[in-house]
């Protein structure tokens, strides 16, 4: 929310695009989390001593999607000269698809939303970043509110500590983004996501 507000003040927030993207993604995410995912068995198959579990599959798919998204960001680093108008029906369908993916993975956030907004919705890099923050806030607020209805036991010290550190990082990142051209932000973001994707695969199969 704080990051989205900072980008709103900078003129980098497309509120209408965020709403058209976020609402379908929440519905599809809930469908996957509540109906589809519980039906997938914990152990899928085994080859010798190796057992493919649902959690390993999810992490591998997560990493492969990160690598695919990172390659698109690294290769297509030019900012478009003329931003095309947004097709909101198309954008809602994209949001629905991303919701399916993030519902299955349990994560997704910016590494999927930002490339989708850039390459499929036609937003410039900085507007995609600001708009993705509002989308993530909407998804997170609805998900967190739904969990609160179940009266969970929360570690508030951990919650507020991580939140405070994240806000500090958000403020620093937002300040730096003012000084970096959008075309340069794309490959930097792509390389970061690529390193994270490779690390996840190594962690699952090599670094155990």
N, C-alpha and C. Protein backbone atom coordinates (compact mmCIF):
# COMPACT_ATOMS: atom_id res chain seq x y z
N UNK A 1 0.83 -1.20 0.00
CA UNK A 1 0.00 0.00 0.00
C UNK A 1 0.86 1.25 0.00
N UNK A 2 1.89 1.25 0.83
CA UNK A 2 2.79 2.42 0.91
C UNK A 2 3.54 2.60 -0.40
N UNK A 3 4.01 1.50 -0.97
CA UNK A 3 4.71 1.59 -2.26
C UNK A 3 3.80 2.08 -3.36
N UNK A 4 2.56 1.60 -3.37
CA UNK A 4 1.60 2.04 -4.39
C UNK A 4 1.30 3.53 -4.25
N UNK A 5 1.18 4.00 -3.01
CA UNK A 5 0.91 5.41 -2.78
C UNK A 5 2.08 6.28 -3.24
N UNK A 6 3.31 5.82 -2.97
CA UNK A 6 4.48 6.58 -3.41
C UNK A 6 4.51 6.69 -4.94
N UNK A 7 4.18 5.60 -5.62
CA UNK A 7 4.17 5.64 -7.09
C UNK A 7 2.99 6.45 -7.62
N UNK A 8 1.89 6.48 -6.86
CA UNK A 8 0.76 7.32 -7.25
C UNK A 8 1.18 8.79 -7.27
N UNK A 9 1.93 9.21 -6.28
CA UNK A 9 2.41 10.59 -6.20
C UNK A 9 3.40 10.88 -7.34
N UNK A 10 4.09 9.85 -7.81
CA UNK A 10 5.05 10.02 -8.90
C UNK A 10 4.38 9.93 -10.26
N UNK A 11 3.08 9.62 -10.29
CA UNK A 11 2.37 9.51 -11.56
C UNK A 11 2.56 8.17 -12.25
N UNK A 12 2.95 7.15 -11.49
CA UNK A 12 3.24 5.84 -12.07
C UNK A 12 2.17 4.80 -11.78
N UNK A 13 0.95 5.23 -11.42
CA UNK A 13 -0.08 4.29 -11.01
C UNK A 13 -1.28 4.36 -11.95
N UNK A 14 -1.63 3.22 -12.53
CA UNK A 14 -2.81 3.10 -13.37
C UNK A 14 -3.87 2.36 -12.56
N UNK A 15 -4.71 3.12 -11.83
CA UNK A 15 -5.66 2.51 -10.89
C UNK A 15 -6.68 1.64 -11.62
N UNK A 16 -7.22 2.11 -12.74
CA UNK A 16 -8.22 1.33 -13.48
C UNK A 16 -7.62 0.01 -13.96
N UNK A 17 -6.40 0.05 -14.47
CA UNK A 17 -5.75 -1.17 -14.92
C UNK A 17 -5.53 -2.14 -13.76
N UNK A 18 -5.16 -1.61 -12.60
CA UNK A 18 -4.93 -2.45 -11.43
C UNK A 18 -6.20 -3.18 -11.00
N UNK A 19 -7.33 -2.48 -11.01
CA UNK A 19 -8.60 -3.08 -10.59
C UNK A 19 -9.04 -4.15 -11.58
N UNK A 20 -8.94 -3.83 -12.88
CA UNK A 20 -9.34 -4.82 -13.90
C UNK A 20 -8.44 -6.06 -13.86
N UNK A 21 -7.20 -5.88 -13.44
CA UNK A 21 -6.28 -7.01 -13.33
C UNK A 21 -6.50 -7.77 -12.03
N UNK A 22 -6.66 -7.05 -10.92
CA UNK A 22 -6.64 -7.67 -9.59
C UNK A 22 -7.89 -8.49 -9.30
N UNK A 23 -9.07 -7.98 -9.62
CA UNK A 23 -10.30 -8.69 -9.23
C UNK A 23 -10.42 -10.08 -9.88
N UNK A 24 -10.21 -10.22 -11.20
CA UNK A 24 -10.24 -11.58 -11.76
C UNK A 24 -9.14 -12.48 -11.20
N UNK A 25 -7.97 -11.89 -10.92
CA UNK A 25 -6.88 -12.70 -10.39
C UNK A 25 -7.21 -13.23 -9.00
N UNK A 26 -7.90 -12.44 -8.18
CA UNK A 26 -8.29 -12.90 -6.85
C UNK A 26 -9.28 -14.06 -6.96
N UNK A 27 -10.25 -13.95 -7.85
CA UNK A 27 -11.25 -15.01 -8.01
C UNK A 27 -10.61 -16.32 -8.48
N UNK A 28 -9.74 -16.23 -9.48
CA UNK A 28 -9.10 -17.45 -9.97
C UNK A 28 -8.13 -18.01 -8.95
N UNK A 29 -7.45 -17.13 -8.20
CA UNK A 29 -6.53 -17.58 -7.16
C UNK A 29 -7.28 -18.36 -6.08
N UNK A 30 -8.42 -17.84 -5.64
CA UNK A 30 -9.20 -18.53 -4.62
C UNK A 30 -9.72 -19.88 -5.13
N UNK A 31 -10.10 -19.94 -6.40
CA UNK A 31 -10.56 -21.19 -6.99
C UNK A 31 -9.47 -22.26 -6.93
N UNK A 32 -8.25 -21.87 -7.31
CA UNK A 32 -7.13 -22.81 -7.29
C UNK A 32 -6.81 -23.24 -5.86
N UNK A 33 -6.74 -22.27 -4.93
CA UNK A 33 -6.33 -22.58 -3.56
C UNK A 33 -7.36 -23.41 -2.81
N UNK A 34 -8.62 -23.15 -3.03
CA UNK A 34 -9.67 -23.81 -2.27
C UNK A 34 -10.18 -25.10 -2.89
N UNK A 35 -10.11 -25.23 -4.22
CA UNK A 35 -10.73 -26.36 -4.90
C UNK A 35 -9.70 -27.27 -5.58
N UNK A 36 -8.80 -26.69 -6.38
CA UNK A 36 -7.90 -27.50 -7.18
C UNK A 36 -6.73 -28.04 -6.38
N UNK A 37 -6.00 -27.16 -5.69
CA UNK A 37 -4.77 -27.55 -5.01
C UNK A 37 -4.98 -28.65 -3.96
N UNK A 38 -6.05 -28.60 -3.15
CA UNK A 38 -6.25 -29.68 -2.17
C UNK A 38 -6.45 -31.05 -2.80
N UNK A 39 -6.80 -31.12 -4.08
CA UNK A 39 -7.04 -32.39 -4.76
C UNK A 39 -5.77 -32.99 -5.35
N UNK A 40 -4.68 -32.24 -5.35
CA UNK A 40 -3.41 -32.75 -5.87
C UNK A 40 -2.72 -33.55 -4.76
N UNK A 41 -2.35 -34.82 -5.02
CA UNK A 41 -1.74 -35.64 -3.95
C UNK A 41 -0.38 -35.10 -3.52
N UNK A 42 -0.01 -35.39 -2.29
CA UNK A 42 1.28 -34.92 -1.76
C UNK A 42 2.45 -35.58 -2.47
N UNK A 43 2.34 -36.87 -2.77
CA UNK A 43 3.39 -37.59 -3.49
C UNK A 43 2.89 -37.95 -4.88
N UNK A 44 3.59 -37.48 -5.91
CA UNK A 44 3.14 -37.65 -7.28
C UNK A 44 3.69 -38.92 -7.92
N UNK A 45 5.02 -39.08 -7.89
CA UNK A 45 5.64 -40.29 -8.43
C UNK A 45 7.06 -40.39 -7.88
N UNK A 46 7.68 -41.53 -8.12
CA UNK A 46 9.05 -41.74 -7.65
C UNK A 46 9.87 -42.42 -8.73
N UNK A 47 11.15 -42.06 -8.81
CA UNK A 47 12.11 -42.69 -9.72
C UNK A 47 13.30 -43.11 -8.87
N UNK A 48 13.39 -44.41 -8.61
CA UNK A 48 14.42 -44.88 -7.71
C UNK A 48 14.20 -44.35 -6.31
N UNK A 49 15.22 -43.67 -5.78
CA UNK A 49 15.10 -43.08 -4.45
C UNK A 49 14.51 -41.68 -4.48
N UNK A 50 14.39 -41.13 -5.69
CA UNK A 50 13.84 -39.77 -5.79
C UNK A 50 12.32 -39.80 -5.78
N UNK A 51 11.72 -38.98 -4.93
CA UNK A 51 10.27 -38.88 -4.83
C UNK A 51 9.86 -37.47 -5.24
N UNK A 52 9.04 -37.39 -6.27
CA UNK A 52 8.52 -36.09 -6.70
C UNK A 52 7.28 -35.77 -5.88
N UNK A 53 7.41 -34.79 -5.00
CA UNK A 53 6.29 -34.38 -4.17
C UNK A 53 5.60 -33.16 -4.78
N UNK A 54 4.43 -32.87 -4.27
CA UNK A 54 3.70 -31.69 -4.74
C UNK A 54 4.51 -30.43 -4.47
N UNK A 55 5.16 -30.34 -3.32
CA UNK A 55 5.92 -29.14 -2.98
C UNK A 55 7.12 -28.94 -3.90
N UNK A 56 7.82 -30.05 -4.24
CA UNK A 56 8.95 -29.94 -5.16
C UNK A 56 8.46 -29.49 -6.53
N UNK A 57 7.35 -30.08 -7.01
CA UNK A 57 6.80 -29.69 -8.30
C UNK A 57 6.44 -28.21 -8.33
N UNK A 58 5.82 -27.74 -7.26
CA UNK A 58 5.43 -26.33 -7.19
C UNK A 58 6.67 -25.43 -7.26
N UNK A 59 7.72 -25.78 -6.53
CA UNK A 59 8.92 -24.95 -6.53
C UNK A 59 9.62 -24.98 -7.89
N UNK A 60 9.63 -26.14 -8.55
CA UNK A 60 10.26 -26.24 -9.87
C UNK A 60 9.49 -25.40 -10.89
N UNK A 61 8.16 -25.51 -10.90
CA UNK A 61 7.34 -24.70 -11.80
C UNK A 61 7.55 -23.22 -11.51
N UNK A 62 7.60 -22.88 -10.22
CA UNK A 62 7.85 -21.51 -9.79
C UNK A 62 9.16 -20.99 -10.37
N UNK A 63 10.22 -21.79 -10.24
CA UNK A 63 11.55 -21.38 -10.72
C UNK A 63 11.58 -21.25 -12.23
N UNK A 64 10.95 -22.20 -12.95
CA UNK A 64 10.95 -22.15 -14.41
C UNK A 64 10.19 -20.93 -14.93
N UNK A 65 9.09 -20.59 -14.27
CA UNK A 65 8.35 -19.39 -14.65
C UNK A 65 9.18 -18.13 -14.38
N UNK A 66 9.91 -18.12 -13.28
CA UNK A 66 10.78 -16.99 -12.97
C UNK A 66 11.84 -16.82 -14.06
N UNK A 67 12.44 -17.94 -14.48
CA UNK A 67 13.47 -17.88 -15.52
C UNK A 67 12.88 -17.39 -16.83
N UNK A 68 11.70 -17.92 -17.21
CA UNK A 68 11.05 -17.49 -18.45
C UNK A 68 10.72 -15.99 -18.41
N UNK A 69 10.19 -15.53 -17.27
CA UNK A 69 9.85 -14.12 -17.14
C UNK A 69 11.11 -13.26 -17.18
N UNK A 70 12.18 -13.73 -16.56
CA UNK A 70 13.41 -12.95 -16.52
C UNK A 70 14.02 -12.80 -17.90
N UNK A 71 13.95 -13.86 -18.71
CA UNK A 71 14.51 -13.80 -20.07
C UNK A 71 13.76 -12.75 -20.90
N UNK A 72 12.43 -12.71 -20.75
CA UNK A 72 11.65 -11.72 -21.50
C UNK A 72 12.01 -10.30 -21.08
N UNK A 73 12.32 -10.12 -19.80
CA UNK A 73 12.68 -8.78 -19.32
C UNK A 73 14.08 -8.39 -19.79
N UNK A 74 15.00 -9.35 -19.82
CA UNK A 74 16.37 -9.05 -20.21
C UNK A 74 16.47 -8.78 -21.71
N UNK A 75 15.77 -9.60 -22.52
CA UNK A 75 15.88 -9.47 -23.97
C UNK A 75 15.13 -8.25 -24.50
N UNK A 76 13.95 -7.98 -23.94
CA UNK A 76 13.13 -6.87 -24.44
C UNK A 76 13.29 -5.67 -23.50
N UNK A 77 14.44 -5.05 -23.56
CA UNK A 77 14.76 -4.00 -22.60
C UNK A 77 14.43 -2.60 -23.08
N UNK A 78 13.95 -2.48 -24.33
CA UNK A 78 13.66 -1.14 -24.83
C UNK A 78 12.29 -0.68 -24.36
N UNK A 79 12.17 0.60 -24.00
CA UNK A 79 10.88 1.19 -23.67
C UNK A 79 10.16 1.55 -24.96
N UNK A 80 8.87 1.22 -25.10
CA UNK A 80 8.14 1.57 -26.32
C UNK A 80 8.02 3.07 -26.46
N UNK A 81 8.14 3.55 -27.72
CA UNK A 81 8.04 4.99 -27.94
C UNK A 81 6.60 5.45 -27.74
N UNK A 82 5.63 4.67 -28.22
CA UNK A 82 4.23 5.02 -28.08
C UNK A 82 3.51 3.91 -27.31
N UNK A 83 2.99 4.26 -26.15
CA UNK A 83 2.30 3.27 -25.32
C UNK A 83 0.93 3.02 -25.90
N UNK A 84 0.65 1.73 -26.19
CA UNK A 84 -0.65 1.41 -26.80
C UNK A 84 -1.74 1.48 -25.75
N UNK A 85 -2.97 1.74 -26.22
CA UNK A 85 -4.10 1.82 -25.31
C UNK A 85 -4.39 0.45 -24.72
N UNK A 86 -4.87 0.43 -23.48
CA UNK A 86 -5.09 -0.81 -22.76
C UNK A 86 -6.44 -1.41 -23.11
N UNK A 87 -6.45 -2.68 -23.46
CA UNK A 87 -7.67 -3.44 -23.68
C UNK A 87 -8.04 -4.07 -22.33
N UNK A 88 -9.08 -3.55 -21.68
CA UNK A 88 -9.36 -3.96 -20.30
C UNK A 88 -9.93 -5.37 -20.22
N UNK A 89 -10.64 -5.82 -21.26
CA UNK A 89 -11.09 -7.21 -21.28
C UNK A 89 -9.88 -8.14 -21.37
N UNK A 90 -8.95 -7.78 -22.24
CA UNK A 90 -7.71 -8.54 -22.37
C UNK A 90 -6.96 -8.54 -21.05
N UNK A 91 -6.90 -7.39 -20.40
CA UNK A 91 -6.19 -7.26 -19.14
C UNK A 91 -6.83 -8.14 -18.05
N UNK A 92 -8.16 -8.21 -18.02
CA UNK A 92 -8.85 -9.06 -17.05
C UNK A 92 -8.54 -10.53 -17.27
N UNK A 93 -8.47 -10.93 -18.54
CA UNK A 93 -8.12 -12.32 -18.85
C UNK A 93 -6.70 -12.63 -18.42
N UNK A 94 -5.81 -11.66 -18.61
CA UNK A 94 -4.42 -11.84 -18.15
C UNK A 94 -4.39 -11.98 -16.63
N UNK A 95 -5.15 -11.12 -15.94
CA UNK A 95 -5.21 -11.20 -14.48
C UNK A 95 -5.74 -12.53 -14.01
N UNK A 96 -6.74 -13.07 -14.71
CA UNK A 96 -7.29 -14.37 -14.37
C UNK A 96 -6.22 -15.46 -14.52
N UNK A 97 -5.46 -15.39 -15.62
CA UNK A 97 -4.41 -16.38 -15.84
C UNK A 97 -3.31 -16.30 -14.79
N UNK A 98 -2.90 -15.08 -14.45
CA UNK A 98 -1.88 -14.92 -13.42
C UNK A 98 -2.40 -15.40 -12.07
N UNK A 99 -3.70 -15.18 -11.81
CA UNK A 99 -4.29 -15.67 -10.57
C UNK A 99 -4.23 -17.18 -10.47
N UNK A 100 -4.50 -17.89 -11.59
CA UNK A 100 -4.37 -19.35 -11.60
C UNK A 100 -2.95 -19.77 -11.24
N UNK A 101 -1.97 -19.10 -11.85
CA UNK A 101 -0.57 -19.47 -11.62
C UNK A 101 -0.16 -19.19 -10.18
N UNK A 102 -0.48 -17.98 -9.68
CA UNK A 102 -0.08 -17.63 -8.33
C UNK A 102 -0.85 -18.44 -7.29
N UNK A 103 -2.09 -18.83 -7.60
CA UNK A 103 -2.83 -19.69 -6.69
C UNK A 103 -2.18 -21.04 -6.55
N UNK A 104 -1.67 -21.58 -7.67
CA UNK A 104 -1.00 -22.87 -7.65
C UNK A 104 0.34 -22.78 -6.93
N UNK A 105 1.08 -21.72 -7.18
CA UNK A 105 2.42 -21.58 -6.60
C UNK A 105 2.40 -21.07 -5.18
N UNK A 106 1.35 -20.35 -4.81
CA UNK A 106 1.34 -19.71 -3.49
C UNK A 106 2.16 -18.44 -3.48
N UNK A 107 2.68 -18.05 -4.64
CA UNK A 107 3.47 -16.82 -4.76
C UNK A 107 3.42 -16.39 -6.21
N UNK A 108 3.89 -15.25 -6.48
CA UNK A 108 3.87 -14.76 -7.85
C UNK A 108 4.26 -13.31 -7.85
N UNK A 109 3.38 -12.47 -7.35
CA UNK A 109 3.71 -11.07 -7.17
C UNK A 109 4.28 -10.43 -8.42
N UNK A 110 5.26 -9.59 -8.19
CA UNK A 110 5.79 -8.75 -9.26
C UNK A 110 6.45 -9.49 -10.39
N UNK A 111 7.07 -10.64 -10.12
CA UNK A 111 7.85 -11.29 -11.18
C UNK A 111 6.97 -11.78 -12.32
N UNK A 112 5.68 -12.00 -12.06
CA UNK A 112 4.74 -12.34 -13.13
C UNK A 112 3.91 -11.14 -13.56
N UNK A 113 3.49 -10.33 -12.59
CA UNK A 113 2.59 -9.22 -12.89
C UNK A 113 3.28 -8.15 -13.73
N UNK A 114 4.52 -7.81 -13.39
CA UNK A 114 5.21 -6.75 -14.12
C UNK A 114 5.43 -7.10 -15.59
N UNK A 115 5.97 -8.30 -15.93
CA UNK A 115 6.07 -8.63 -17.37
C UNK A 115 4.71 -8.66 -18.06
N UNK A 116 3.67 -9.14 -17.37
CA UNK A 116 2.34 -9.18 -17.98
C UNK A 116 1.84 -7.78 -18.31
N UNK A 117 2.04 -6.84 -17.39
CA UNK A 117 1.60 -5.47 -17.61
C UNK A 117 2.41 -4.78 -18.71
N UNK A 118 3.69 -5.14 -18.83
CA UNK A 118 4.54 -4.51 -19.84
C UNK A 118 4.25 -5.06 -21.24
N UNK A 119 4.31 -6.38 -21.37
CA UNK A 119 4.27 -6.99 -22.69
C UNK A 119 2.86 -7.30 -23.18
N UNK A 120 1.90 -7.45 -22.26
CA UNK A 120 0.55 -7.79 -22.67
C UNK A 120 -0.43 -6.64 -22.49
N UNK A 121 -0.15 -5.73 -21.55
CA UNK A 121 -1.03 -4.58 -21.35
C UNK A 121 -0.43 -3.29 -21.91
N UNK A 122 0.85 -3.32 -22.29
CA UNK A 122 1.47 -2.18 -22.93
C UNK A 122 1.86 -1.04 -22.02
N UNK A 123 2.05 -1.31 -20.71
CA UNK A 123 2.45 -0.24 -19.79
C UNK A 123 3.96 -0.07 -19.80
N UNK A 124 4.45 1.17 -19.68
CA UNK A 124 5.88 1.38 -19.50
C UNK A 124 6.35 0.75 -18.19
N UNK A 125 7.66 0.52 -18.07
CA UNK A 125 8.22 -0.19 -16.92
C UNK A 125 7.81 0.43 -15.60
N UNK A 126 7.98 1.74 -15.46
CA UNK A 126 7.71 2.38 -14.16
C UNK A 126 6.23 2.35 -13.82
N UNK A 127 5.36 2.49 -14.80
CA UNK A 127 3.93 2.38 -14.54
C UNK A 127 3.55 0.94 -14.20
N UNK A 128 4.23 -0.03 -14.83
CA UNK A 128 3.98 -1.43 -14.51
C UNK A 128 4.37 -1.73 -13.07
N UNK A 129 5.48 -1.16 -12.61
CA UNK A 129 5.92 -1.37 -11.23
C UNK A 129 4.90 -0.79 -10.25
N UNK A 130 4.52 0.47 -10.47
CA UNK A 130 3.56 1.11 -9.57
C UNK A 130 2.22 0.41 -9.57
N UNK A 131 1.73 0.03 -10.75
CA UNK A 131 0.44 -0.64 -10.85
C UNK A 131 0.49 -2.03 -10.23
N UNK A 132 1.62 -2.72 -10.39
CA UNK A 132 1.74 -4.06 -9.79
C UNK A 132 1.69 -3.98 -8.26
N UNK A 133 2.21 -2.91 -7.70
CA UNK A 133 2.17 -2.76 -6.23
C UNK A 133 0.74 -2.64 -5.73
N UNK A 134 -0.10 -1.91 -6.46
CA UNK A 134 -1.51 -1.81 -6.07
C UNK A 134 -2.21 -3.15 -6.23
N UNK A 135 -1.91 -3.88 -7.29
CA UNK A 135 -2.49 -5.21 -7.51
C UNK A 135 -2.10 -6.15 -6.37
N UNK A 136 -0.82 -6.14 -6.01
CA UNK A 136 -0.33 -7.00 -4.93
C UNK A 136 -1.00 -6.62 -3.61
N UNK A 137 -1.17 -5.32 -3.38
CA UNK A 137 -1.84 -4.88 -2.15
C UNK A 137 -3.28 -5.40 -2.10
N UNK A 138 -4.01 -5.28 -3.21
CA UNK A 138 -5.40 -5.76 -3.24
C UNK A 138 -5.46 -7.27 -2.97
N UNK A 139 -4.61 -8.03 -3.68
CA UNK A 139 -4.59 -9.48 -3.49
C UNK A 139 -4.21 -9.86 -2.06
N UNK A 140 -3.18 -9.19 -1.54
CA UNK A 140 -2.69 -9.51 -0.20
C UNK A 140 -3.72 -9.14 0.87
N UNK A 141 -4.36 -7.99 0.72
CA UNK A 141 -5.33 -7.54 1.71
C UNK A 141 -6.53 -8.49 1.78
N UNK A 142 -7.00 -8.94 0.60
CA UNK A 142 -8.12 -9.87 0.58
C UNK A 142 -7.72 -11.22 1.16
N UNK A 143 -6.53 -11.70 0.79
CA UNK A 143 -6.05 -12.97 1.32
C UNK A 143 -5.83 -12.93 2.82
N UNK A 144 -5.20 -11.86 3.29
CA UNK A 144 -4.94 -11.72 4.73
C UNK A 144 -6.24 -11.58 5.50
N UNK A 145 -7.17 -10.80 4.95
CA UNK A 145 -8.47 -10.65 5.61
C UNK A 145 -9.22 -11.96 5.70
N UNK A 146 -9.13 -12.77 4.63
CA UNK A 146 -9.78 -14.07 4.66
C UNK A 146 -9.18 -14.98 5.72
N UNK A 147 -7.84 -14.94 5.86
CA UNK A 147 -7.20 -15.75 6.89
C UNK A 147 -7.56 -15.28 8.30
N UNK A 148 -7.72 -13.97 8.46
CA UNK A 148 -8.07 -13.45 9.79
C UNK A 148 -9.44 -13.93 10.25
N UNK A 149 -10.32 -14.23 9.30
CA UNK A 149 -11.65 -14.73 9.68
C UNK A 149 -11.56 -16.08 10.38
N UNK A 150 -10.47 -16.81 10.12
CA UNK A 150 -10.27 -18.10 10.78
C UNK A 150 -9.60 -17.97 12.13
N UNK A 151 -9.36 -16.74 12.60
CA UNK A 151 -8.73 -16.46 13.89
C UNK A 151 -7.40 -17.21 14.06
N UNK A 152 -6.46 -16.98 13.15
CA UNK A 152 -5.17 -17.68 13.25
C UNK A 152 -4.31 -17.09 14.35
N UNK A 153 -3.31 -17.86 14.76
CA UNK A 153 -2.32 -17.37 15.72
C UNK A 153 -1.19 -16.72 14.94
N UNK A 154 -1.04 -15.42 15.07
CA UNK A 154 -0.06 -14.67 14.30
C UNK A 154 1.13 -14.27 15.17
N UNK A 155 2.31 -14.31 14.57
CA UNK A 155 3.51 -13.81 15.22
C UNK A 155 3.63 -12.33 14.86
N UNK A 156 3.04 -11.48 15.69
CA UNK A 156 2.98 -10.06 15.37
C UNK A 156 4.35 -9.41 15.38
N UNK A 157 5.24 -9.89 16.23
CA UNK A 157 6.60 -9.33 16.24
C UNK A 157 7.28 -9.56 14.90
N UNK A 158 7.20 -10.79 14.40
CA UNK A 158 7.77 -11.09 13.09
C UNK A 158 7.07 -10.30 11.99
N UNK A 159 5.74 -10.24 12.07
CA UNK A 159 4.94 -9.53 11.06
C UNK A 159 5.37 -8.07 10.94
N UNK A 160 5.44 -7.39 12.07
CA UNK A 160 5.76 -5.95 12.03
C UNK A 160 7.24 -5.70 11.76
N UNK A 161 8.11 -6.65 12.16
CA UNK A 161 9.54 -6.48 11.88
C UNK A 161 9.80 -6.57 10.38
N UNK A 162 9.24 -7.61 9.74
CA UNK A 162 9.42 -7.78 8.30
C UNK A 162 8.77 -6.61 7.54
N UNK A 163 7.59 -6.19 8.01
CA UNK A 163 6.90 -5.07 7.37
C UNK A 163 7.72 -3.79 7.43
N UNK A 164 8.31 -3.52 8.59
CA UNK A 164 9.11 -2.31 8.75
C UNK A 164 10.32 -2.33 7.82
N UNK A 165 11.00 -3.49 7.74
CA UNK A 165 12.17 -3.61 6.86
C UNK A 165 11.75 -3.47 5.40
N UNK A 166 10.60 -4.08 5.06
CA UNK A 166 10.11 -4.00 3.67
C UNK A 166 9.76 -2.56 3.29
N UNK A 167 9.16 -1.83 4.22
CA UNK A 167 8.81 -0.43 3.95
C UNK A 167 10.07 0.40 3.73
N UNK A 168 11.09 0.15 4.57
CA UNK A 168 12.36 0.87 4.40
C UNK A 168 12.95 0.58 3.03
N UNK A 169 12.98 -0.70 2.65
CA UNK A 169 13.49 -1.06 1.33
C UNK A 169 12.66 -0.44 0.22
N UNK A 170 11.34 -0.39 0.42
CA UNK A 170 10.43 0.20 -0.57
C UNK A 170 10.74 1.68 -0.78
N UNK A 171 10.97 2.40 0.30
CA UNK A 171 11.27 3.82 0.20
C UNK A 171 12.60 4.06 -0.51
N UNK A 172 13.59 3.23 -0.19
CA UNK A 172 14.89 3.36 -0.84
C UNK A 172 14.77 3.05 -2.33
N UNK A 173 14.07 1.94 -2.64
CA UNK A 173 13.90 1.55 -4.03
C UNK A 173 13.15 2.59 -4.84
N UNK A 174 12.09 3.17 -4.24
CA UNK A 174 11.32 4.19 -4.94
C UNK A 174 12.16 5.42 -5.23
N UNK A 175 13.00 5.80 -4.26
CA UNK A 175 13.89 6.95 -4.46
C UNK A 175 14.89 6.67 -5.58
N UNK A 176 15.43 5.45 -5.61
CA UNK A 176 16.40 5.11 -6.65
C UNK A 176 15.75 5.06 -8.03
N UNK A 177 14.47 4.63 -8.07
CA UNK A 177 13.80 4.50 -9.37
C UNK A 177 13.63 5.84 -10.06
N UNK A 178 13.61 6.93 -9.29
CA UNK A 178 13.50 8.25 -9.88
C UNK A 178 14.74 8.60 -10.71
N UNK A 179 15.86 7.95 -10.38
CA UNK A 179 17.13 8.31 -11.02
C UNK A 179 17.56 7.30 -12.08
N UNK A 180 16.77 6.23 -12.25
CA UNK A 180 17.12 5.19 -13.22
C UNK A 180 16.08 5.15 -14.32
N UNK A 181 16.52 5.15 -15.56
CA UNK A 181 15.62 5.10 -16.70
C UNK A 181 14.88 3.76 -16.73
N UNK A 182 13.61 3.79 -17.16
CA UNK A 182 12.79 2.58 -17.19
C UNK A 182 13.40 1.48 -18.03
N UNK A 183 14.04 1.83 -19.14
CA UNK A 183 14.67 0.84 -20.01
C UNK A 183 15.81 0.12 -19.30
N UNK A 184 16.48 0.79 -18.37
CA UNK A 184 17.55 0.15 -17.61
C UNK A 184 17.02 -0.68 -16.45
N UNK A 185 15.83 -0.32 -15.95
CA UNK A 185 15.24 -1.09 -14.85
C UNK A 185 14.84 -2.49 -15.31
N UNK A 186 14.38 -2.62 -16.55
CA UNK A 186 13.90 -3.92 -17.04
C UNK A 186 14.98 -5.00 -16.95
N UNK A 187 16.16 -4.82 -17.57
CA UNK A 187 17.15 -5.89 -17.48
C UNK A 187 17.66 -6.12 -16.05
N UNK A 188 17.75 -5.07 -15.24
CA UNK A 188 18.17 -5.26 -13.85
C UNK A 188 17.18 -6.15 -13.11
N UNK A 189 15.90 -5.87 -13.29
CA UNK A 189 14.86 -6.69 -12.68
C UNK A 189 14.94 -8.12 -13.22
N UNK A 190 15.16 -8.24 -14.53
CA UNK A 190 15.24 -9.55 -15.15
C UNK A 190 16.39 -10.38 -14.61
N UNK A 191 17.57 -9.79 -14.46
CA UNK A 191 18.72 -10.52 -13.94
C UNK A 191 18.51 -10.95 -12.49
N UNK A 192 17.86 -10.10 -11.70
CA UNK A 192 17.56 -10.46 -10.32
C UNK A 192 16.63 -11.67 -10.26
N UNK A 193 15.56 -11.65 -11.06
CA UNK A 193 14.62 -12.77 -11.08
C UNK A 193 15.28 -14.03 -11.61
N UNK A 194 16.16 -13.90 -12.61
CA UNK A 194 16.87 -15.04 -13.17
C UNK A 194 17.73 -15.72 -12.09
N UNK A 195 18.48 -14.92 -11.34
CA UNK A 195 19.33 -15.48 -10.27
C UNK A 195 18.49 -16.20 -9.22
N UNK A 196 17.35 -15.64 -8.87
CA UNK A 196 16.48 -16.27 -7.88
C UNK A 196 15.92 -17.59 -8.41
N UNK A 197 15.52 -17.63 -9.69
CA UNK A 197 14.99 -18.86 -10.27
C UNK A 197 16.02 -19.96 -10.30
N UNK A 198 17.25 -19.63 -10.72
CA UNK A 198 18.32 -20.64 -10.76
C UNK A 198 18.64 -21.13 -9.35
N UNK A 199 18.66 -20.22 -8.38
CA UNK A 199 18.94 -20.62 -7.00
C UNK A 199 17.89 -21.61 -6.47
N UNK A 200 16.62 -21.37 -6.80
CA UNK A 200 15.56 -22.27 -6.32
C UNK A 200 15.76 -23.67 -6.88
N UNK A 201 16.09 -23.78 -8.18
CA UNK A 201 16.32 -25.10 -8.78
C UNK A 201 17.53 -25.78 -8.14
N UNK A 202 18.61 -25.04 -7.96
CA UNK A 202 19.80 -25.61 -7.31
C UNK A 202 19.49 -26.06 -5.89
N UNK A 203 18.70 -25.28 -5.18
CA UNK A 203 18.35 -25.62 -3.80
C UNK A 203 17.53 -26.90 -3.73
N UNK A 204 16.64 -27.12 -4.69
CA UNK A 204 15.78 -28.30 -4.67
C UNK A 204 16.52 -29.58 -5.06
N UNK A 205 17.53 -29.46 -5.97
CA UNK A 205 18.14 -30.69 -6.52
C UNK A 205 19.63 -30.84 -6.22
N UNK A 206 20.32 -29.75 -5.89
CA UNK A 206 21.77 -29.82 -5.73
C UNK A 206 22.22 -29.48 -4.31
N UNK A 207 21.68 -28.41 -3.74
CA UNK A 207 22.20 -27.88 -2.48
C UNK A 207 21.54 -28.49 -1.24
N UNK A 208 20.99 -29.69 -1.37
CA UNK A 208 20.34 -30.33 -0.20
C UNK A 208 21.37 -30.98 0.68
